[in-house]
């Protein structure tokens, strides 16, 4: 399964969270080396071009997509197994595990990307903020006013805290590098082929459903961590929890609603609601509809503070579990 026992993986995870928070993904490294996620993306792209044939029936394309996902996850899993075994052959090689894991956590990079939206508001106004937010969300930026750009940035912060930080940390804690690699392969496949386009609705069905499944525990845990961080921005834990429990299921995603609703309650603002993706308009209800609808750039700063506190909270929670195992 994995070369390291559960309690050791928890300590490694704490180190990985700290490394990601302090260092993140330095551009000077990834300009010279391909990021591991780009390897996953390249494999997924090859499979999409090879096996997602437009001449095939929807049933056959769905079956092909299921087979591709199984193979890709197996490849990622065994890559994790191989790397864990190789590092055990090196003197003190175990210290490399948190370093590798930190590369696949995204708290610092998420913070930096959302901060660019806030800085764009201050340096170039709404037009620059629209450009910055278009780098992290798929909706049409030209259709967004100041409140719309703000909500998009905050929703991205909440959702990506779940699937970019908590979920990979969770699966690393459970299964080590094999679990972490498998999760990142599934999540990358969902982002590339899991959407409901004409080309990918059948072929990407398995990737989308599996991503929903593996994000199920992390999305609830992410909502909990966001709620616990609410007092640091003037909110209350109770209001964040109540909003999460009341409104999470209003979201079209079985997972994204949990951290987004918790964030809406923590900040006292309304999130989600109607929004445009290209030519498609999504008529979703607001989360925390009774909250303030006129969100502004200052709310992005508050959401980023919640991200920092919740990320620290994930490390503290991991430490609590480790201490519990040793009492």
Protein backbone atom coordinates (compact mmCIF):
# COMPACT_ATOMS: atom_id res chain seq x y z
CA UNK A 1 0.00 0.00 0.00
CA UNK A 2 2.43 2.65 1.23
CA UNK A 3 5.89 2.50 2.72
CA UNK A 4 5.09 4.69 5.73
CA UNK A 5 2.67 4.13 8.65
CA UNK A 6 -0.27 6.45 9.16
CA UNK A 7 1.16 8.44 12.07
CA UNK A 8 4.37 9.12 10.13
CA UNK A 9 2.34 10.25 7.11
CA UNK A 10 0.54 12.74 9.35
CA UNK A 11 3.84 14.32 10.40
CA UNK A 12 4.93 14.37 6.76
CA UNK A 13 1.67 16.07 5.84
CA UNK A 14 2.22 18.82 8.43
CA UNK A 15 5.65 19.42 6.92
CA UNK A 16 4.20 19.45 3.39
CA UNK A 17 1.52 22.00 4.34
CA UNK A 18 4.18 24.20 5.90
CA UNK A 19 6.47 23.93 2.87
CA UNK A 20 3.66 24.80 0.50
CA UNK A 21 2.62 27.80 2.61
CA UNK A 22 6.20 29.09 2.81
CA UNK A 23 7.49 28.31 -0.67
CA UNK A 24 4.58 27.41 -2.92
CA UNK A 25 5.44 26.79 -6.57
CA UNK A 26 8.50 28.95 -7.37
CA UNK A 27 8.42 30.12 -10.99
CA UNK A 28 12.17 29.73 -11.35
CA UNK A 29 11.80 25.98 -10.86
CA UNK A 30 8.77 25.33 -13.04
CA UNK A 31 10.09 27.47 -15.88
CA UNK A 32 12.90 24.92 -16.14
CA UNK A 33 11.09 21.71 -15.20
CA UNK A 34 7.62 20.45 -16.13
CA UNK A 35 5.25 20.50 -13.16
CA UNK A 36 3.99 16.98 -12.29
CA UNK A 37 0.41 18.02 -13.04
CA UNK A 38 1.48 18.86 -16.60
CA UNK A 39 2.59 15.23 -16.95
CA UNK A 40 -0.84 14.10 -15.84
CA UNK A 41 -2.42 16.55 -18.26
CA UNK A 42 -0.28 15.31 -21.13
CA UNK A 43 -1.36 11.70 -20.51
CA UNK A 44 -5.00 12.72 -20.30
CA UNK A 45 -4.70 14.72 -23.51
CA UNK A 46 -3.18 11.77 -25.37
CA UNK A 47 -5.98 9.50 -24.19
CA UNK A 48 -8.62 12.06 -25.15
CA UNK A 49 -7.24 12.43 -28.68
CA UNK A 50 -6.76 8.69 -29.11
CA UNK A 51 -9.87 7.12 -27.60
CA UNK A 52 -12.54 9.83 -27.67
CA UNK A 53 -13.64 9.25 -31.24
CA UNK A 54 -16.43 11.45 -32.52
CA UNK A 55 -17.65 8.66 -34.82
CA UNK A 56 -18.32 6.35 -31.86
CA UNK A 57 -21.70 6.09 -30.14
CA UNK A 58 -22.22 7.85 -26.79
CA UNK A 59 -22.31 4.48 -25.03
CA UNK A 60 -19.02 3.41 -26.53
CA UNK A 61 -17.42 6.77 -25.70
CA UNK A 62 -18.61 6.50 -22.10
CA UNK A 63 -17.14 2.98 -21.84
CA UNK A 64 -13.87 4.20 -23.34
CA UNK A 65 -13.81 7.06 -20.84
CA UNK A 66 -14.30 4.66 -17.95
CA UNK A 67 -11.46 2.45 -19.14
CA UNK A 68 -9.17 5.43 -19.64
CA UNK A 69 -9.83 6.74 -16.12
CA UNK A 70 -9.11 3.33 -14.59
CA UNK A 71 -5.81 3.08 -16.45
CA UNK A 72 -4.77 6.66 -15.67
CA UNK A 73 -5.50 6.29 -11.95
CA UNK A 74 -3.58 2.99 -11.89
CA UNK A 75 -0.60 4.66 -13.53
CA UNK A 76 -0.67 7.51 -11.00
CA UNK A 77 -1.06 5.10 -8.08
CA UNK A 78 1.87 2.92 -9.07
CA UNK A 79 4.02 5.97 -9.78
CA UNK A 80 3.44 6.97 -6.17
CA UNK A 81 4.29 3.46 -4.96
CA UNK A 82 7.49 3.44 -7.01
CA UNK A 83 8.65 6.84 -5.76
CA UNK A 84 7.99 5.92 -2.13
CA UNK A 85 9.99 2.74 -2.52
CA UNK A 86 12.86 4.52 -4.25
CA UNK A 87 13.22 7.18 -1.55
CA UNK A 88 13.44 4.51 1.15
CA UNK A 89 16.61 3.31 -0.56
CA UNK A 90 18.28 6.68 0.05
CA UNK A 91 19.83 7.73 3.36
CA UNK A 92 17.20 9.93 5.03
CA UNK A 93 15.24 9.72 1.80
CA UNK A 94 11.98 10.01 3.74
CA UNK A 95 12.54 13.78 3.98
CA UNK A 96 11.84 13.99 0.25
CA UNK A 97 8.24 12.81 0.73
CA UNK A 98 6.94 16.07 2.25
CA UNK A 99 8.78 18.03 -0.44
CA UNK A 100 7.12 16.01 -3.20
CA UNK A 101 3.73 16.24 -1.50
CA UNK A 102 4.02 20.01 -1.09
CA UNK A 103 4.35 20.38 -4.86
CA UNK A 104 0.84 18.92 -5.24
CA UNK A 105 -0.72 21.15 -2.58
CA UNK A 106 -1.95 24.51 -3.84
CA UNK A 107 -2.60 26.82 -0.89
CA UNK A 108 0.21 29.28 -1.68
CA UNK A 109 -0.41 29.32 -5.44
CA UNK A 110 -4.16 29.78 -4.85
CA UNK A 111 -3.44 32.65 -2.49
CA UNK A 112 -1.13 34.29 -5.03
CA UNK A 113 -3.62 33.96 -7.90
CA UNK A 114 -6.52 35.42 -5.93
CA UNK A 115 -4.29 38.18 -4.54
CA UNK A 116 -3.63 39.26 -8.13
CA UNK A 117 -7.35 39.96 -8.52
CA UNK A 118 -7.34 42.12 -5.39
CA UNK A 119 -4.20 43.96 -6.52
CA UNK A 120 -5.70 44.46 -9.98
CA UNK A 121 -8.67 46.25 -8.43
CA UNK A 122 -6.30 48.64 -6.71
CA UNK A 123 -3.91 49.18 -9.64
CA UNK A 124 -6.16 49.12 -12.71
CA UNK A 125 -9.76 49.09 -11.57
CA UNK A 126 -12.53 46.83 -12.79
CA UNK A 127 -11.08 46.13 -16.25
CA UNK A 128 -7.80 44.84 -14.83
CA UNK A 129 -9.64 42.85 -12.18
CA UNK A 130 -11.73 41.19 -14.89
CA UNK A 131 -8.54 40.12 -16.68
CA UNK A 132 -7.05 38.76 -13.47
CA UNK A 133 -10.16 36.82 -12.45
CA UNK A 134 -10.42 35.27 -15.94
CA UNK A 135 -7.22 33.38 -15.11
CA UNK A 136 -8.88 31.46 -12.27
CA UNK A 137 -12.53 31.05 -13.30
CA UNK A 138 -14.29 29.90 -16.45
CA UNK A 139 -17.12 32.44 -16.52
CA UNK A 140 -17.32 35.35 -18.97
CA UNK A 141 -15.34 38.18 -17.30
CA UNK A 142 -16.84 40.95 -19.46
CA UNK A 143 -20.28 40.21 -18.01
CA UNK A 144 -19.07 40.76 -14.43
CA UNK A 145 -19.46 43.97 -12.48
CA UNK A 146 -17.37 44.74 -9.37
CA UNK A 147 -19.53 42.51 -7.17
CA UNK A 148 -19.46 39.74 -9.79
CA UNK A 149 -15.66 39.77 -10.05
CA UNK A 150 -15.42 39.76 -6.26
CA UNK A 151 -17.80 36.83 -5.88
CA UNK A 152 -15.98 34.88 -8.61
CA UNK A 153 -12.63 35.34 -6.85
CA UNK A 154 -14.06 34.37 -3.46
CA UNK A 155 -15.92 31.33 -4.82
CA UNK A 156 -12.69 30.18 -6.50
CA UNK A 157 -10.86 30.62 -3.19
CA UNK A 158 -13.37 28.45 -1.34
CA UNK A 159 -13.74 25.72 -3.96
CA UNK A 160 -10.03 25.45 -4.68
CA UNK A 161 -9.20 25.35 -0.99
CA UNK A 162 -11.26 22.16 -0.96
CA UNK A 163 -9.96 20.42 -4.07
CA UNK A 164 -6.50 22.00 -4.21
CA UNK A 165 -5.52 21.81 -0.54
CA UNK A 166 -7.80 19.73 1.67
CA UNK A 167 -8.54 16.89 -0.76
CA UNK A 168 -4.92 16.16 -1.76
CA UNK A 169 -3.89 16.46 1.90
CA UNK A 170 -6.66 14.06 2.91
CA UNK A 171 -5.74 11.40 0.36
CA UNK A 172 -2.04 11.74 1.20
CA UNK A 173 -2.87 11.16 4.86
CA UNK A 174 -4.91 8.07 3.98
CA UNK A 175 -2.73 6.46 1.30
CA UNK A 176 0.55 8.39 1.06
CA UNK A 177 1.99 9.44 -2.30
CA UNK A 178 -0.05 6.78 -4.19
CA UNK A 179 -3.28 8.32 -2.89
CA UNK A 180 -2.07 11.85 -3.55
CA UNK A 181 -0.99 11.06 -7.12
CA UNK A 182 -4.22 9.19 -7.85
CA UNK A 183 -6.31 12.07 -6.54
CA UNK A 184 -4.43 14.65 -8.63
CA UNK A 185 -4.88 12.50 -11.72
CA UNK A 186 -8.63 12.26 -11.10
CA UNK A 187 -8.96 15.97 -10.40
CA UNK A 188 -6.93 16.92 -13.47
CA UNK A 189 -8.98 14.57 -15.64
CA UNK A 190 -12.17 16.17 -14.37
CA UNK A 191 -10.91 19.66 -15.20
CA UNK A 192 -9.86 18.58 -18.71
CA UNK A 193 -12.57 16.17 -19.85
CA UNK A 194 -15.21 16.18 -17.10
CA UNK A 195 -17.30 19.07 -18.41
CA UNK A 196 -20.61 18.81 -20.24
CA UNK A 197 -19.50 19.77 -23.73
CA UNK A 198 -20.57 17.94 -26.86
CA UNK A 199 -17.17 16.27 -27.09
CA UNK A 200 -16.78 15.28 -23.45
CA UNK A 201 -20.24 14.68 -22.00
CA UNK A 202 -20.00 10.91 -22.60
CA UNK A 203 -16.23 10.37 -22.59
CA UNK A 204 -15.68 12.50 -19.48
CA UNK A 205 -18.63 11.10 -17.52
CA UNK A 206 -16.52 8.68 -15.46
CA UNK A 207 -13.89 11.32 -14.67
CA UNK A 208 -16.55 13.75 -13.45
CA UNK A 209 -18.38 11.18 -11.31
CA UNK A 210 -15.16 9.84 -9.78
CA UNK A 211 -14.00 13.38 -8.99
CA UNK A 212 -17.33 14.00 -7.23
CA UNK A 213 -16.78 10.86 -5.17
CA UNK A 214 -13.18 11.49 -4.08
CA UNK A 215 -13.95 15.11 -3.17
CA UNK A 216 -16.91 14.16 -0.99
CA UNK A 217 -15.08 13.97 2.37
CA UNK A 218 -12.72 16.86 1.68
CA UNK A 219 -15.45 19.32 0.70
CA UNK A 220 -17.21 18.84 4.05
CA UNK A 221 -13.91 19.08 5.91
CA UNK A 222 -12.99 22.23 3.97
CA UNK A 223 -16.31 23.78 4.95
CA UNK A 224 -15.61 22.94 8.59
CA UNK A 225 -12.15 24.56 8.44
CA UNK A 226 -13.54 27.70 6.76
CA UNK A 227 -16.24 27.96 9.43
CA UNK A 228 -13.65 27.65 12.18
CA UNK A 229 -11.73 30.55 10.60
CA UNK A 230 -14.79 32.85 10.47
CA UNK A 231 -14.01 34.75 13.73
CA UNK A 232 -10.72 35.94 12.24
CA UNK A 233 -12.63 38.12 9.74
CA UNK A 234 -15.41 39.28 12.04
CA UNK A 235 -17.80 36.42 11.30
CA UNK A 236 -19.08 33.70 13.59
CA UNK A 237 -18.55 29.97 13.51
CA UNK A 238 -22.26 29.42 14.08
CA UNK A 239 -23.37 31.58 11.14
CA UNK A 240 -20.88 29.91 8.82
CA UNK A 241 -21.98 26.43 9.90
CA UNK A 242 -25.68 27.24 9.65
CA UNK A 243 -25.26 28.71 6.18
CA UNK A 244 -23.25 25.69 5.08
CA UNK A 245 -25.80 23.20 6.38
CA UNK A 246 -28.75 25.18 4.98
CA UNK A 247 -27.41 26.17 1.56
CA UNK A 248 -24.65 23.74 0.50
CA UNK A 249 -27.10 21.48 -1.35
CA UNK A 250 -28.47 24.40 -3.36
CA UNK A 251 -25.27 24.34 -5.41
CA UNK A 252 -25.31 22.30 -8.63
CA UNK A 253 -22.07 20.61 -7.54
CA UNK A 254 -22.37 17.95 -4.80
CA UNK A 255 -19.15 19.29 -3.29
CA UNK A 256 -18.44 22.91 -4.18
CA UNK A 257 -21.47 24.16 -2.25
CA UNK A 258 -20.00 23.14 1.12
CA UNK A 259 -16.89 25.36 1.18
CA UNK A 260 -18.65 28.13 -0.78
CA UNK A 261 -21.64 28.25 1.55
CA UNK A 262 -19.33 28.20 4.58
CA UNK A 263 -17.34 31.07 3.06
CA UNK A 264 -20.53 33.02 2.32
CA UNK A 265 -21.67 32.64 5.92
CA UNK A 266 -18.24 33.51 7.31
CA UNK A 267 -18.04 36.72 5.26
CA UNK A 268 -21.72 37.62 5.58
CA UNK A 269 -22.14 37.94 1.80
CA UNK A 270 -24.16 36.16 -0.89
CA UNK A 271 -22.22 33.92 -3.28
CA UNK A 272 -23.02 31.91 -6.42
CA UNK A 273 -26.33 32.96 -8.01
CA UNK A 274 -26.86 33.52 -11.76
CA UNK A 275 -23.65 33.68 -13.82
CA UNK A 276 -22.51 33.39 -17.42
CA UNK A 277 -20.05 30.89 -18.93
CA UNK A 278 -19.52 31.97 -22.53
CA UNK A 279 -22.92 31.68 -24.20
CA UNK A 280 -24.42 29.65 -21.35
CA UNK A 281 -26.17 31.32 -18.42
CA UNK A 282 -26.41 29.33 -15.18
CA UNK A 283 -29.47 30.29 -13.14
CA UNK A 284 -28.32 29.07 -9.73
CA UNK A 285 -29.74 30.31 -6.41
CA UNK A 286 -27.60 32.45 -4.15
CA UNK A 287 -25.83 30.90 -1.19
CA UNK A 288 -26.56 32.95 1.95
CA UNK A 289 -29.14 34.96 0.00
CA UNK A 290 -29.89 36.99 3.11
CA UNK A 291 -26.30 38.21 3.23
CA UNK A 292 -24.85 41.31 1.61
CA UNK A 293 -25.06 41.18 -2.21
CA UNK A 294 -22.81 44.13 -2.95
CA UNK A 295 -19.48 42.43 -2.34
CA UNK A 296 -16.33 44.43 -2.96
CA UNK A 297 -12.53 44.06 -3.17
CA UNK A 298 -12.20 44.24 0.61
CA UNK A 299 -14.12 40.98 0.83
CA UNK A 300 -11.45 39.30 -1.30
CA UNK A 301 -8.87 40.32 1.29
CA UNK A 302 -11.05 38.82 4.03
CA UNK A 303 -11.45 35.58 2.04
CA UNK A 304 -7.67 35.38 1.65
CA UNK A 305 -7.30 35.73 5.42
CA UNK A 306 -9.74 32.84 5.86
CA UNK A 307 -7.65 30.83 3.37
CA UNK A 308 -4.51 31.42 5.44
CA UNK A 309 -6.21 30.58 8.74
CA UNK A 310 -8.02 27.52 7.33
CA UNK A 311 -4.78 26.20 5.83
CA UNK A 312 -3.10 26.58 9.23
CA UNK A 313 -6.16 24.90 10.71
CA UNK A 314 -5.66 21.89 8.45
CA UNK A 315 -2.14 21.47 9.85
CA UNK A 316 -3.40 21.91 13.43
CA UNK A 317 -6.16 19.35 12.86
CA UNK A 318 -3.59 16.92 11.48
CA UNK A 319 -1.44 17.46 14.58
CA UNK A 320 -4.46 16.85 16.85
CA UNK A 321 -5.11 13.53 15.13
CA UNK A 322 -1.42 12.58 15.54
CA UNK A 323 -1.48 13.49 19.24
CA UNK A 324 -4.68 11.48 19.70
CA UNK A 325 -2.97 8.43 18.19
CA UNK A 326 -0.12 8.81 20.67
CA UNK A 327 -2.12 9.25 23.87
